[in-house]
N, C-alpha and C. Protein backbone atom coordinates (compact mmCIF):
# COMPACT_ATOMS: atom_id res chain seq x y z
N MET A 1 74.91 -95.45 76.81
CA MET A 1 72.99 -95.63 76.54
C MET A 1 72.91 -94.27 76.52
N VAL A 2 71.95 -93.85 75.64
CA VAL A 2 71.79 -92.77 75.35
C VAL A 2 70.19 -92.20 76.06
N ASN A 3 70.26 -91.25 77.17
CA ASN A 3 69.23 -91.19 77.77
C ASN A 3 68.20 -90.21 77.19
N ARG A 4 66.98 -90.77 77.14
CA ARG A 4 66.12 -89.89 76.21
C ARG A 4 65.63 -88.44 76.69
N LYS A 5 65.69 -88.78 77.94
CA LYS A 5 64.96 -87.39 78.95
C LYS A 5 66.04 -86.20 78.71
N PHE A 6 67.63 -86.74 78.79
CA PHE A 6 68.25 -85.71 78.47
C PHE A 6 68.54 -85.31 77.01
N VAL A 7 68.36 -86.04 76.21
CA VAL A 7 68.54 -85.32 74.78
C VAL A 7 67.29 -84.71 74.57
N ASN A 8 66.08 -85.10 75.16
CA ASN A 8 65.11 -84.07 74.80
C ASN A 8 65.20 -82.73 75.78
N ASP A 9 65.82 -82.72 76.67
CA ASP A 9 66.24 -81.51 77.48
C ASP A 9 67.03 -80.69 76.50
N LEU A 10 68.13 -81.36 75.96
CA LEU A 10 68.95 -80.52 74.95
C LEU A 10 68.08 -79.73 73.90
N ILE A 11 67.13 -80.74 73.21
CA ILE A 11 66.66 -80.17 72.14
C ILE A 11 65.86 -79.01 72.44
N GLU A 12 65.26 -78.95 73.43
CA GLU A 12 64.24 -77.77 74.20
C GLU A 12 65.39 -76.71 74.36
N VAL A 13 66.37 -76.75 74.75
CA VAL A 13 67.29 -75.85 74.99
C VAL A 13 67.99 -75.27 73.72
N LEU A 14 68.42 -75.89 72.52
CA LEU A 14 68.39 -75.56 71.45
C LEU A 14 67.62 -74.70 70.85
N LEU A 15 66.20 -75.29 70.83
CA LEU A 15 65.38 -74.71 70.20
C LEU A 15 64.75 -73.35 70.73
N SER A 16 65.16 -73.25 71.89
CA SER A 16 64.89 -72.04 72.58
C SER A 16 65.86 -71.00 72.37
N ILE A 17 67.16 -71.02 71.75
CA ILE A 17 68.10 -70.30 71.20
C ILE A 17 67.77 -69.32 70.09
N LYS A 18 67.66 -68.07 69.98
CA LYS A 18 67.08 -67.76 69.02
C LYS A 18 68.02 -66.81 68.06
N THR A 19 69.08 -66.61 68.66
CA THR A 19 70.44 -66.12 67.75
C THR A 19 71.55 -66.66 67.50
N LYS A 20 72.34 -66.57 66.35
CA LYS A 20 73.44 -67.45 66.14
C LYS A 20 74.76 -67.30 67.05
N LYS A 21 74.53 -65.62 67.47
CA LYS A 21 75.85 -65.43 68.38
C LYS A 21 74.85 -66.13 70.03
N GLY A 22 73.91 -66.46 70.65
CA GLY A 22 73.69 -67.18 71.52
C GLY A 22 73.92 -68.42 71.45
N MET A 23 73.78 -68.99 70.05
CA MET A 23 74.13 -70.77 69.56
C MET A 23 75.28 -70.63 69.73
N ARG A 24 76.11 -69.80 69.47
CA ARG A 24 77.76 -70.15 69.50
C ARG A 24 78.28 -70.23 70.65
N HIS A 25 77.95 -69.12 71.82
CA HIS A 25 77.98 -69.08 73.08
C HIS A 25 77.74 -70.45 73.67
N PHE A 26 76.46 -71.19 73.37
CA PHE A 26 76.31 -72.17 74.24
C PHE A 26 77.15 -73.46 73.99
N LEU A 27 77.11 -73.45 72.33
CA LEU A 27 77.72 -74.92 71.67
C LEU A 27 79.33 -74.78 72.39
N VAL A 28 79.89 -73.38 72.38
CA VAL A 28 81.23 -73.07 72.92
C VAL A 28 81.39 -73.17 74.62
N SER A 29 80.06 -73.16 74.97
CA SER A 29 80.55 -73.48 76.49
C SER A 29 80.17 -74.88 77.07
N ILE A 30 79.32 -75.53 76.43
CA ILE A 30 78.92 -76.97 76.52
C ILE A 30 79.54 -77.93 76.25
N LEU A 31 80.19 -77.63 74.87
CA LEU A 31 81.07 -78.89 74.25
C LEU A 31 82.60 -78.53 74.38
N THR A 32 83.25 -79.73 74.59
CA THR A 32 84.60 -79.86 74.70
C THR A 32 85.22 -79.48 73.05
N LEU A 33 86.71 -79.16 73.01
CA LEU A 33 87.19 -78.33 72.08
C LEU A 33 86.92 -79.92 70.81
N GLY A 34 87.19 -81.04 71.50
CA GLY A 34 87.18 -81.89 70.44
C GLY A 34 85.66 -82.12 70.04
N GLU A 35 84.62 -82.28 70.45
CA GLU A 35 83.16 -82.09 70.30
C GLU A 35 83.16 -80.84 69.20
N LEU A 36 83.53 -79.97 69.62
CA LEU A 36 83.29 -78.75 68.84
C LEU A 36 83.54 -78.70 67.40
N ALA A 37 84.92 -79.72 67.43
CA ALA A 37 85.66 -79.95 66.19
C ALA A 37 84.56 -81.10 65.09
N ILE A 38 84.39 -81.99 66.37
CA ILE A 38 83.83 -83.10 65.26
C ILE A 38 82.49 -83.18 64.66
N ILE A 39 81.57 -82.15 65.48
CA ILE A 39 80.40 -82.20 65.22
C ILE A 39 80.26 -81.26 63.53
N PRO A 40 80.83 -80.26 63.77
CA PRO A 40 80.86 -79.23 62.17
C PRO A 40 81.36 -80.06 61.12
N GLN A 41 82.43 -80.91 61.59
CA GLN A 41 83.26 -81.73 60.45
C GLN A 41 82.01 -83.00 59.80
N ARG A 42 81.19 -83.42 60.92
CA ARG A 42 80.21 -84.50 60.23
C ARG A 42 79.09 -83.71 59.45
N LEU A 43 78.96 -82.50 59.92
CA LEU A 43 77.87 -81.79 58.77
C LEU A 43 78.42 -81.73 57.57
N GLN A 44 79.62 -81.51 57.41
CA GLN A 44 80.47 -81.10 55.97
C GLN A 44 80.38 -82.58 55.38
N VAL A 45 80.75 -83.37 56.06
CA VAL A 45 80.59 -84.90 55.35
C VAL A 45 78.94 -85.03 54.77
N VAL A 46 78.26 -84.75 55.59
CA VAL A 46 76.74 -84.97 54.90
C VAL A 46 76.68 -83.88 53.83
N LYS A 47 77.05 -82.77 53.92
CA LYS A 47 76.85 -81.79 52.81
C LYS A 47 77.74 -82.39 51.79
N LEU A 48 78.67 -82.66 51.55
CA LEU A 48 79.74 -83.30 50.43
C LEU A 48 79.07 -84.34 49.97
N LEU A 49 78.50 -85.37 50.54
CA LEU A 49 77.58 -86.31 50.38
C LEU A 49 76.46 -85.98 49.57
N LYS A 50 75.85 -85.09 49.76
CA LYS A 50 74.63 -84.80 49.41
C LYS A 50 75.13 -83.95 48.09
N GLN A 51 76.15 -83.39 48.00
CA GLN A 51 76.64 -82.77 46.34
C GLN A 51 77.35 -83.97 45.56
N ASN A 52 76.97 -85.33 45.96
CA ASN A 52 77.62 -86.58 45.34
C ASN A 52 79.20 -86.35 45.49
N MET A 53 79.75 -85.98 45.85
CA MET A 53 81.22 -86.17 45.76
C MET A 53 81.51 -87.71 46.48
N PRO A 54 82.58 -88.27 45.92
CA PRO A 54 82.90 -89.56 46.26
C PRO A 54 83.39 -89.35 47.81
N GLN A 55 82.84 -90.74 48.16
CA GLN A 55 83.45 -90.88 49.50
C GLN A 55 84.89 -90.65 49.85
N ARG A 56 85.67 -91.41 49.09
CA ARG A 56 87.27 -91.13 49.00
C ARG A 56 87.63 -90.18 49.18
N GLU A 57 86.98 -89.36 48.31
CA GLU A 57 87.49 -87.78 48.31
C GLU A 57 87.14 -86.98 49.32
N ILE A 58 85.87 -87.17 50.00
CA ILE A 58 85.66 -86.71 51.04
C ILE A 58 86.45 -87.09 52.60
N VAL A 59 86.72 -88.30 52.37
CA VAL A 59 87.88 -88.77 53.40
C VAL A 59 88.94 -87.89 52.97
N LYS A 60 89.80 -87.62 52.04
CA LYS A 60 90.89 -86.73 51.76
C LYS A 60 90.90 -85.46 52.12
N LYS A 61 89.54 -84.73 51.56
CA LYS A 61 89.40 -83.33 51.83
C LYS A 61 89.29 -82.95 53.29
N LEU A 62 88.44 -83.78 53.99
CA LEU A 62 87.89 -83.62 55.53
C LEU A 62 89.18 -84.28 56.39
N ARG A 63 89.86 -85.42 55.95
CA ARG A 63 90.81 -85.90 56.84
C ARG A 63 89.82 -86.84 58.04
N VAL A 64 89.02 -87.43 57.38
CA VAL A 64 88.01 -88.40 58.40
C VAL A 64 88.28 -89.78 57.63
N SER A 65 87.41 -90.63 58.41
CA SER A 65 87.64 -91.76 58.37
C SER A 65 86.73 -92.31 57.65
N ILE A 66 86.92 -93.24 56.63
CA ILE A 66 86.25 -93.80 55.42
C ILE A 66 84.64 -94.01 56.39
N ALA A 67 84.82 -94.64 57.63
CA ALA A 67 83.60 -95.19 58.64
C ALA A 67 82.85 -93.94 58.79
N SER A 68 83.55 -92.97 58.99
CA SER A 68 82.50 -91.73 59.14
C SER A 68 81.85 -91.51 57.90
N VAL A 69 82.42 -91.49 56.94
CA VAL A 69 81.83 -90.81 55.61
C VAL A 69 80.43 -92.30 55.30
N THR A 70 81.12 -93.19 55.50
CA THR A 70 79.84 -94.31 55.37
C THR A 70 78.88 -94.25 56.31
N ASN A 71 79.21 -93.97 57.50
CA ASN A 71 77.91 -93.64 58.45
C ASN A 71 77.03 -92.64 58.05
N GLY A 72 77.76 -91.52 57.73
CA GLY A 72 76.73 -90.35 56.68
C GLY A 72 75.98 -90.71 55.78
N SER A 73 76.53 -91.54 54.68
CA SER A 73 76.07 -92.13 53.73
C SER A 73 74.83 -92.84 54.07
N ASN A 74 75.04 -94.04 55.24
CA ASN A 74 73.97 -94.72 55.21
C ASN A 74 72.57 -93.95 56.24
N GLU A 75 73.00 -92.75 56.77
CA GLU A 75 71.66 -92.07 57.37
C GLU A 75 71.03 -91.27 56.29
N ILE A 76 71.88 -90.75 55.35
CA ILE A 76 71.43 -90.30 54.21
C ILE A 76 70.27 -91.14 53.43
N LYS A 77 70.81 -92.62 53.20
CA LYS A 77 69.85 -93.61 52.49
C LYS A 77 68.98 -93.89 53.30
N ARG A 78 68.82 -93.89 54.72
CA ARG A 78 67.81 -93.73 55.61
C ARG A 78 66.82 -93.14 55.24
N GLY A 79 66.84 -91.94 54.83
CA GLY A 79 66.04 -90.67 54.91
C GLY A 79 66.22 -89.53 55.82
N ASN A 80 67.22 -89.59 56.11
CA ASN A 80 67.78 -88.48 57.32
C ASN A 80 68.40 -87.11 56.53
N PHE A 81 68.54 -86.14 57.10
CA PHE A 81 69.38 -85.03 56.83
C PHE A 81 68.31 -84.41 55.65
N LYS A 82 67.55 -84.70 55.31
CA LYS A 82 66.23 -83.93 54.22
C LYS A 82 66.96 -82.57 54.77
N ASN A 83 66.73 -81.81 55.44
CA ASN A 83 66.87 -80.28 55.90
C ASN A 83 68.15 -79.66 55.45
N ILE A 84 69.19 -80.63 55.24
CA ILE A 84 70.68 -80.22 54.77
C ILE A 84 71.02 -80.18 53.39
N LYS A 85 71.43 -79.32 53.17
CA LYS A 85 71.84 -78.90 51.39
C LYS A 85 73.00 -79.26 50.88
C-alpha cells in the first residue's frame, strides 16, 4: 500500500532540488540500481508512445514487456503525462 504522506514528502524533496546535478545526486543516492534503470526506461516508453511508435516496436527497441508499454498507453489515455513530449 502506498503511504500518501511518504509520497508527499518525496514530492516536496524533489521539488526543492534546484539543479540537474543535485537531482542526479539525490536519485543515485536514494534509488537502487534497478530502480534507477527502470524509471527512466518507463519515461522512454511514454515518450515513444506519444510519438505514435507502435507498442510492439517499443517492446523490441527498449526490451520491455508488452504489459509495461500497455500500462504507459493506458495512463496516456487517462490524460496523464501531458507535460511529457
